Structure formats: C-alpha cells, structure tokens
C-alpha cells in the first residue's frame, strides 16, 4: 500500500510499504480521511518534544485524526465489524497498569499514540491497523469530513467539560486554530457566552464568520471570565489566562508552545483558580460523535480543503490549495 513516510525534519516521501495484517484483537481500516494538525507539523519541523525525549523517532508515519471503514479483522474480532465506518482513539494503553484500570489509559506510561508515540504507524496511508477496542463507530449522520474531526473534537469537548460552564457564563477561548474553534463551538452548544482571542484582526475573520465575538489583545473587553480555555501556542498566554480569569474561576490548558510557559503559582493560589491540563480526546470521543450526529456542533466548515496523499508533505510545510476555504484544517484522502 501507499503511505506517507517522514524520514527526518522536512524529509519525506510517499512509499510502497507492506499492507498491514490484523493480529488477534485487531482490525484493518481502509482510510477515507485524515486531518493534519499542529503535532504533525512539529514532527515535520523536528521540534516535537517526543523526538528529543526518545518517545518517537524517524522514520515515522504520521496521522492520528482519521476515519474509514473496517476491511479486515483478526482472530477474536466479531466479523460484524467488516464494512463499518469508524474512527478510533489515538491513545493505546497497555490495559494492565493502574492507570489503564482506572480508565486513564491516555496517560499510561507505556502507551502508544497512533502516528505520534512509540512507533505505531499512523493513518497517512491507504490502511491502518488498530485494536478493535479503540474503535468508535460513526453513525450515518457523521460524514467523512466530520469523522476525521472526532479526535480533535474529543479534545475540545474535554476542555469544555473541564471548564464546568453554566448557561450564560462568559468564557474566553485563546487561539483561533482548529482546537480553539472546536472548543468555541462546543462551549456555545453548552450555553456559554463565548469569545475568542486571536493574535491579529485578520486571524479573527473566520471565527467572526461563525458568529463568535472575537478580539485581539488591544480590544479585549473586560468581562468577568468564568473560564478561560487556552488553546494557543503563544508562551505568554498561559500566565495571561490566570491574570484574566475571575477569582474562583477555571483555566483549562490544551495549547503547547515550543518554549516553556511560566505561570506564577502565587496568582493561582491568591485567586483560588482551578487549572486543568488536557491531554488527548479519549474520554470525549463518544460525546463528540453524539454532538456531531445531532447537529449541535458542525465542525465541517473548519476544513478548508481535501487533497491526496501526494500533497501531504506540502500541507505539512504550509501549502494550501488556491481554492482552499477560510478554515484552518486541511484533510488528506489517501484514495485520491
């Protein structure tokens, strides 16, 4: 089969590789759509921290935001899975440690992260092999575009749940990228008064087209922010979030900067702020699928274009088709 292989920083090719075979408890999925995200770009540039900590290494096959249809099953897997449309959890825990047994497999010390950690090949390929236990079936109301947005949607939903919003609560989402926009959509569906903070006026045109009040730092209104969800990559915004949130409020962190962000713990304590970090969408995947299927959240406008596997490296390098829409996300269809 054809697969996109990253062999070093900005070094890549589409290669013919052996097609995967489903082992016991596993399935093979024919990939219909893959999202390219910031983590993939950090691997492309060589900045991703896992490369420097030994948790990932070149050559590697990226792709953790995906959907497709099951085309093969291994021993012990119900044949009823064949042909079913599905997406899947990125985080694959060992299943035996205390964290996994407690339902926290996404922080298992020996976990694989598909296309990210531990060498498990990702979905930027015609096929992907995964454990059947990681699958989340897609209903007919969730098409391929939305299906490949379930993984970031799960992350976004977890952020909103961690913010513990009540209807009418003013919430500020920092960073108008894919995660920030999904967070804003889920927060609006929960009844929050949602505002977005972006770096420039130009970066706010698309959020405003989705109906969100959007601001730069120079015109941000002074509101009693019940929660701030920090989804940017700017190292100065994590401490700024603590400054802005109401005493007794909540700050949720999902964005990661290349350089460390310094937060003054005195500000957290003296304002009685609750700070929460979010890693992975595992616990939010079913909820994201439900909200996509019901129409409570429609993520599809976030996808600007869909291109073939041969253009994956160009997309990672920042290329966008001339006819791309205004959304931040580009999808890859390995069948093209």
Protein backbone atom coordinates (compact mmCIF):
# COMPACT_ATOMS: atom_id res chain seq x y z
CA UNK A 1 0.00 0.00 0.00
CA UNK A 2 0.97 3.66 -0.28
CA UNK A 3 2.00 5.51 2.89
CA UNK A 4 3.47 8.89 3.72
CA UNK A 5 6.81 8.38 5.50
CA UNK A 6 8.65 11.14 7.36
CA UNK A 7 12.36 10.27 7.39
CA UNK A 8 13.72 13.42 9.05
CA UNK A 9 12.93 17.10 9.54
CA UNK A 10 11.29 18.21 6.29
CA UNK A 11 12.36 14.94 4.64
CA UNK A 12 9.57 12.72 3.37
CA UNK A 13 8.19 10.61 0.58
CA UNK A 14 5.18 8.52 -0.34
CA UNK A 15 6.38 4.94 -0.31
CA UNK A 16 5.08 1.49 -1.10
CA UNK A 17 5.07 -0.37 2.22
CA UNK A 18 3.69 -3.77 3.27
CA UNK A 19 -0.06 -3.70 3.80
CA UNK A 20 -0.99 -4.21 7.46
CA UNK A 21 -2.34 -7.52 8.69
CA UNK A 22 -4.75 -7.67 11.61
CA UNK A 23 -3.42 -9.61 14.57
CA UNK A 24 -5.55 -11.06 17.37
CA UNK A 25 -7.94 -8.40 18.65
CA UNK A 26 -7.07 -6.03 15.80
CA UNK A 27 -8.72 -4.70 12.66
CA UNK A 28 -7.50 -3.19 9.40
CA UNK A 29 -9.22 0.05 8.40
CA UNK A 30 -9.32 1.45 4.88
CA UNK A 31 -8.64 5.14 5.46
CA UNK A 32 -11.06 7.65 3.98
CA UNK A 33 -9.88 10.91 5.51
CA UNK A 34 -7.00 12.17 7.70
CA UNK A 35 -6.58 15.56 9.36
CA UNK A 36 -3.22 17.30 9.54
CA UNK A 37 -2.67 19.01 12.89
CA UNK A 38 -0.08 21.04 14.77
CA UNK A 39 1.50 17.95 16.32
CA UNK A 40 2.17 16.56 12.84
CA UNK A 41 3.76 19.85 11.82
CA UNK A 42 6.07 19.75 14.86
CA UNK A 43 7.26 16.31 13.78
CA UNK A 44 7.75 17.66 10.26
CA UNK A 45 9.92 20.53 11.54
CA UNK A 46 11.71 18.38 14.11
CA UNK A 47 10.53 20.47 17.07
CA UNK A 48 8.19 17.93 18.66
CA UNK A 49 9.38 17.11 22.19
CA UNK A 50 8.87 13.34 21.79
CA UNK A 51 11.69 13.33 19.23
CA UNK A 52 14.06 14.71 21.88
CA UNK A 53 12.84 12.53 24.76
CA UNK A 54 13.13 9.26 22.85
CA UNK A 55 9.38 8.61 22.70
CA UNK A 56 9.36 8.97 18.91
CA UNK A 57 11.96 8.61 16.19
CA UNK A 58 12.33 8.86 12.42
CA UNK A 59 11.35 7.23 10.17
CA UNK A 60 7.73 7.58 11.21
CA UNK A 61 4.26 7.54 9.72
CA UNK A 62 2.01 10.34 10.90
CA UNK A 63 -1.78 10.63 11.11
CA UNK A 64 -3.96 10.40 14.22
CA UNK A 65 -7.14 12.24 13.14
CA UNK A 66 -8.82 9.74 10.87
CA UNK A 67 -11.90 7.88 9.75
CA UNK A 68 -12.50 4.95 7.44
CA UNK A 69 -14.16 1.56 7.09
CA UNK A 70 -13.08 -1.79 8.52
CA UNK A 71 -11.82 -4.11 5.80
CA UNK A 72 -10.16 -6.88 7.81
CA UNK A 73 -10.48 -8.47 11.23
CA UNK A 74 -8.07 -10.55 13.27
CA UNK A 75 -8.66 -13.53 15.49
CA UNK A 76 -11.23 -12.94 18.21
CA UNK A 77 -12.86 -9.95 16.46
CA UNK A 78 -16.55 -10.08 15.54
CA UNK A 79 -16.92 -10.22 11.75
CA UNK A 80 -19.83 -7.78 12.10
CA UNK A 81 -17.19 -5.04 12.16
CA UNK A 82 -16.44 -5.64 8.47
CA UNK A 83 -17.60 -2.68 6.39
CA UNK A 84 -18.46 -0.49 9.38
CA UNK A 85 -17.49 3.17 9.23
CA UNK A 86 -15.42 4.15 12.20
CA UNK A 87 -12.84 6.37 13.80
CA UNK A 88 -10.62 5.47 16.72
CA UNK A 89 -8.80 6.51 19.85
CA UNK A 90 -5.26 7.79 19.35
CA UNK A 91 -4.18 6.63 22.82
CA UNK A 92 -3.49 2.90 23.18
CA UNK A 93 -2.69 1.97 26.77
CA UNK A 94 -1.27 -1.34 27.98
CA UNK A 95 -4.60 -2.24 29.56
CA UNK A 96 -2.99 -3.70 32.67
CA UNK A 97 -1.45 -0.88 34.73
CA UNK A 98 -3.24 1.03 37.48
CA UNK A 99 -3.85 4.00 35.19
CA UNK A 100 -5.45 1.86 32.50
CA UNK A 101 -7.58 0.00 35.03
CA UNK A 102 -8.77 3.36 36.38
CA UNK A 103 -9.87 4.49 32.90
CA UNK A 104 -6.85 6.73 32.35
CA UNK A 105 -5.23 4.79 29.53
CA UNK A 106 -4.41 8.09 27.79
CA UNK A 107 -1.65 8.65 30.38
CA UNK A 108 -0.43 5.06 30.55
CA UNK A 109 3.37 5.19 30.90
CA UNK A 110 3.89 2.65 28.12
CA UNK A 111 1.07 3.80 25.82
CA UNK A 112 1.28 4.05 22.10
CA UNK A 113 -0.09 7.16 20.42
CA UNK A 114 -1.07 6.34 16.86
CA UNK A 115 1.15 8.22 14.44
CA UNK A 116 2.85 10.01 17.34
CA UNK A 117 4.44 7.93 20.12
CA UNK A 118 6.08 4.55 20.36
CA UNK A 119 6.33 3.78 16.65
CA UNK A 120 2.69 2.82 15.97
CA UNK A 121 2.17 3.65 12.29
CA UNK A 122 -0.37 6.40 11.64
CA UNK A 123 -3.20 6.92 9.22
CA UNK A 124 -1.47 8.87 6.44
CA UNK A 125 -1.67 5.71 4.38
CA UNK A 126 -4.22 3.68 2.50
CA UNK A 127 -4.74 1.39 5.51
CA UNK A 128 -4.24 1.38 9.27
CA UNK A 129 -4.16 -1.43 11.82
CA UNK A 130 -5.61 -0.73 15.28
CA UNK A 131 -7.04 -2.67 18.24
CA UNK A 132 -10.77 -3.23 17.90
CA UNK A 133 -11.12 -1.92 21.46
CA UNK A 134 -10.04 1.54 20.25
CA UNK A 135 -12.78 1.88 17.63
CA UNK A 136 -15.72 4.28 17.82
CA UNK A 137 -18.36 3.57 15.16
CA UNK A 138 -19.68 6.51 13.13
CA UNK A 139 -23.43 6.92 12.58
CA UNK A 140 -24.78 7.83 9.15
CA UNK A 141 -25.17 11.45 10.25
CA UNK A 142 -21.40 11.87 10.63
CA UNK A 143 -19.75 12.04 7.22
CA UNK A 144 -16.06 11.57 6.42
CA UNK A 145 -15.24 15.25 7.00
CA UNK A 146 -16.76 15.26 10.48
CA UNK A 147 -15.50 11.73 11.15
CA UNK A 148 -11.88 12.83 10.81
CA UNK A 149 -12.61 15.70 13.20
CA UNK A 150 -13.82 13.45 16.03
CA UNK A 151 -10.35 13.16 17.57
CA UNK A 152 -9.75 16.92 17.88
CA UNK A 153 -13.42 17.24 18.78
CA UNK A 154 -12.91 14.89 21.70
CA UNK A 155 -10.08 17.09 22.95
CA UNK A 156 -12.23 20.19 22.59
CA UNK A 157 -15.17 18.64 24.40
CA UNK A 158 -12.95 17.59 27.29
CA UNK A 159 -11.77 21.20 27.56
CA UNK A 160 -15.32 22.49 27.77
CA UNK A 161 -16.30 19.86 30.30
CA UNK A 162 -13.27 20.79 32.41
CA UNK A 163 -14.35 24.44 32.34
CA UNK A 164 -17.64 23.48 34.05
CA UNK A 165 -19.65 26.19 32.39
CA UNK A 166 -23.13 27.21 33.41
CA UNK A 167 -25.50 28.71 30.80
CA UNK A 168 -24.61 32.34 30.21
CA UNK A 169 -21.11 32.10 31.66
CA UNK A 170 -18.62 34.30 29.78
CA UNK A 171 -15.79 32.09 28.53
CA UNK A 172 -12.70 33.21 26.65
CA UNK A 173 -11.01 30.85 24.20
CA UNK A 174 -7.46 31.89 23.33
CA UNK A 175 -6.23 30.76 19.92
CA UNK A 176 -8.47 30.67 16.81
CA UNK A 177 -7.00 27.46 15.35
CA UNK A 178 -8.82 24.16 14.90
CA UNK A 179 -8.89 23.23 18.59
CA UNK A 180 -9.84 26.74 19.68
CA UNK A 181 -12.68 26.90 17.16
CA UNK A 182 -13.95 23.45 18.14
CA UNK A 183 -13.79 24.47 21.80
CA UNK A 184 -15.80 27.58 20.95
CA UNK A 185 -18.41 25.50 19.14
CA UNK A 186 -18.80 23.02 22.00
CA UNK A 187 -18.89 25.83 24.58
CA UNK A 188 -21.62 27.60 22.61
CA UNK A 189 -23.59 24.35 22.44
CA UNK A 190 -23.34 24.20 26.25
CA UNK A 191 -24.86 27.67 26.53
CA UNK A 192 -21.70 29.64 27.27
CA UNK A 193 -21.20 33.25 26.20
CA UNK A 194 -18.21 32.51 24.01
CA UNK A 195 -15.47 34.94 22.99
CA UNK A 196 -12.27 34.22 21.04
CA UNK A 197 -8.88 35.90 21.37
CA UNK A 198 -6.56 35.94 18.35
CA UNK A 199 -3.18 37.46 17.53
CA UNK A 200 -4.33 39.72 14.66
CA UNK A 201 -7.51 41.18 13.22
CA UNK A 202 -7.01 39.06 10.10
CA UNK A 203 -6.96 35.86 12.20
CA UNK A 204 -10.41 36.72 13.54
CA UNK A 205 -12.27 36.98 10.23
CA UNK A 206 -13.14 33.29 10.11
CA UNK A 207 -14.26 32.98 13.78
CA UNK A 208 -16.46 36.02 13.25
CA UNK A 209 -18.00 34.36 10.18
CA UNK A 210 -19.02 31.52 12.50
CA UNK A 211 -20.78 34.00 14.74
CA UNK A 212 -18.25 34.34 17.54
CA UNK A 213 -17.32 37.60 19.24
CA UNK A 214 -13.59 37.76 18.53
CA UNK A 215 -10.91 40.11 19.76
CA UNK A 216 -7.24 40.95 19.78
CA UNK A 217 -5.40 41.82 22.99
CA UNK A 218 -5.83 45.53 22.25
CA UNK A 219 -9.64 45.47 22.26
CA UNK A 220 -10.49 42.53 24.54
CA UNK A 221 -13.46 43.55 26.72
CA UNK A 222 -13.13 43.50 30.49
CA UNK A 223 -15.61 40.74 31.32
CA UNK A 224 -15.84 38.50 34.41
CA UNK A 225 -14.45 35.43 32.65
CA UNK A 226 -15.80 32.36 34.43
CA UNK A 227 -13.36 30.23 32.48
CA UNK A 228 -10.53 30.64 30.04
CA UNK A 229 -9.56 27.83 27.70
CA UNK A 230 -6.02 28.33 26.45
CA UNK A 231 -5.66 26.72 23.02
CA UNK A 232 -2.85 28.78 21.52
CA UNK A 233 0.87 28.13 21.06
CA UNK A 234 1.90 31.51 22.47
CA UNK A 235 4.14 31.12 25.56
CA UNK A 236 2.82 34.37 27.06
CA UNK A 237 -0.86 33.40 27.07
CA UNK A 238 -0.88 30.71 29.81
CA UNK A 239 0.09 33.22 32.53
CA UNK A 240 -2.16 35.86 30.94
CA UNK A 241 -5.08 33.45 31.30
CA UNK A 242 -4.53 33.32 35.06
CA UNK A 243 -4.48 37.12 35.17
CA UNK A 244 -7.73 37.42 33.21
CA UNK A 245 -9.91 34.73 34.80
CA UNK A 246 -12.30 35.64 37.60
CA UNK A 247 -11.24 34.69 41.15
CA UNK A 248 -12.57 31.21 41.78
CA UNK A 249 -12.72 30.54 38.04
CA UNK A 250 -11.15 27.82 35.94
CA UNK A 251 -8.33 27.87 33.40
CA UNK A 252 -8.05 24.94 31.01
CA UNK A 253 -4.79 24.38 29.15
CA UNK A 254 -4.55 22.41 25.91
CA UNK A 255 -2.23 24.54 23.76
CA UNK A 256 1.51 23.85 23.81
CA UNK A 257 4.27 26.29 22.94
CA UNK A 258 7.70 25.25 21.73
CA UNK A 259 9.29 27.22 24.59
CA UNK A 260 8.19 26.88 28.24
CA UNK A 261 5.31 28.95 29.60
CA UNK A 262 5.90 30.38 33.08
CA UNK A 263 2.89 30.60 35.40
CA UNK A 264 3.16 32.29 38.79
CA UNK A 265 1.63 29.84 41.27
CA UNK A 266 1.02 32.73 43.66
CA UNK A 267 -1.54 34.10 41.22
CA UNK A 268 -3.30 30.73 41.11
CA UNK A 269 -3.42 30.46 44.88
CA UNK A 270 -4.39 34.03 45.72
CA UNK A 271 -7.20 33.98 43.15
CA UNK A 272 -8.32 30.45 44.11
CA UNK A 273 -8.11 29.44 40.45
CA UNK A 274 -8.50 25.85 39.29
CA UNK A 275 -6.08 24.96 36.48
CA UNK A 276 -6.63 21.85 34.35
CA UNK A 277 -4.43 20.29 31.68
CA UNK A 278 -5.94 18.28 28.82
CA UNK A 279 -4.02 15.54 27.00
CA UNK A 280 -5.93 13.56 24.41
CA UNK A 281 -9.53 13.22 23.43
CA UNK A 282 -10.15 9.66 24.61
CA UNK A 283 -12.88 10.41 27.14
CA UNK A 284 -14.56 12.89 24.79
CA UNK A 285 -14.80 10.86 21.57
CA UNK A 286 -18.27 9.43 22.09
CA UNK A 287 -19.59 12.82 23.18
CA UNK A 288 -18.09 14.48 20.11
CA UNK A 289 -19.69 11.91 17.83
CA UNK A 290 -23.07 12.41 19.53
CA UNK A 291 -22.93 16.18 19.15
CA UNK A 292 -21.78 15.97 15.53
CA UNK A 293 -24.57 13.50 14.72
CA UNK A 294 -27.25 15.61 16.38
CA UNK A 295 -26.13 18.81 14.67
CA UNK A 296 -25.43 20.53 17.99
CA UNK A 297 -21.91 21.09 16.66
CA UNK A 298 -21.00 21.18 12.95
CA UNK A 299 -17.21 21.03 12.54
CA UNK A 300 -17.18 20.76 8.76
CA UNK A 301 -16.71 24.47 7.96
CA UNK A 302 -13.29 24.23 9.65
CA UNK A 303 -11.95 22.12 6.76
CA UNK A 304 -10.57 24.34 4.04
CA UNK A 305 -9.61 21.66 1.51
CA UNK A 306 -9.08 17.95 0.93
CA UNK A 307 -6.11 16.75 -1.12
CA UNK A 308 -4.42 13.48 -1.98
CA UNK A 309 -1.62 11.66 -0.19
CA UNK A 310 0.99 13.01 -2.61
CA UNK A 311 0.41 16.53 -1.24
CA UNK A 312 0.72 15.59 2.46
CA UNK A 313 4.30 16.87 2.71
CA UNK A 314 3.32 20.14 1.06
CA UNK A 315 0.47 20.60 3.54
CA UNK A 316 2.84 19.96 6.46
CA UNK A 317 5.13 22.61 5.00
CA UNK A 318 2.35 25.19 4.97
CA UNK A 319 0.97 24.85 1.43
CA UNK A 320 -2.74 25.34 0.82
CA UNK A 321 -4.58 24.83 -2.47
CA UNK A 322 -5.51 28.02 -4.32
CA UNK A 323 -9.20 27.17 -3.98
CA UNK A 324 -8.97 26.42 -0.22
CA UNK A 325 -11.65 27.85 2.01
CA UNK A 326 -11.03 30.05 5.05
CA UNK A 327 -10.98 27.26 7.65
CA UNK A 328 -7.75 26.25 9.42
CA UNK A 329 -7.80 22.50 8.68
CA UNK A 330 -6.64 20.57 5.61
CA UNK A 331 -7.63 16.95 5.14
CA UNK A 332 -5.86 14.19 3.25
CA UNK A 333 -7.79 11.49 1.35
CA UNK A 334 -5.34 8.61 0.65
CA UNK A 335 -7.66 7.32 -2.06
CA UNK A 336 -7.08 10.39 -4.26
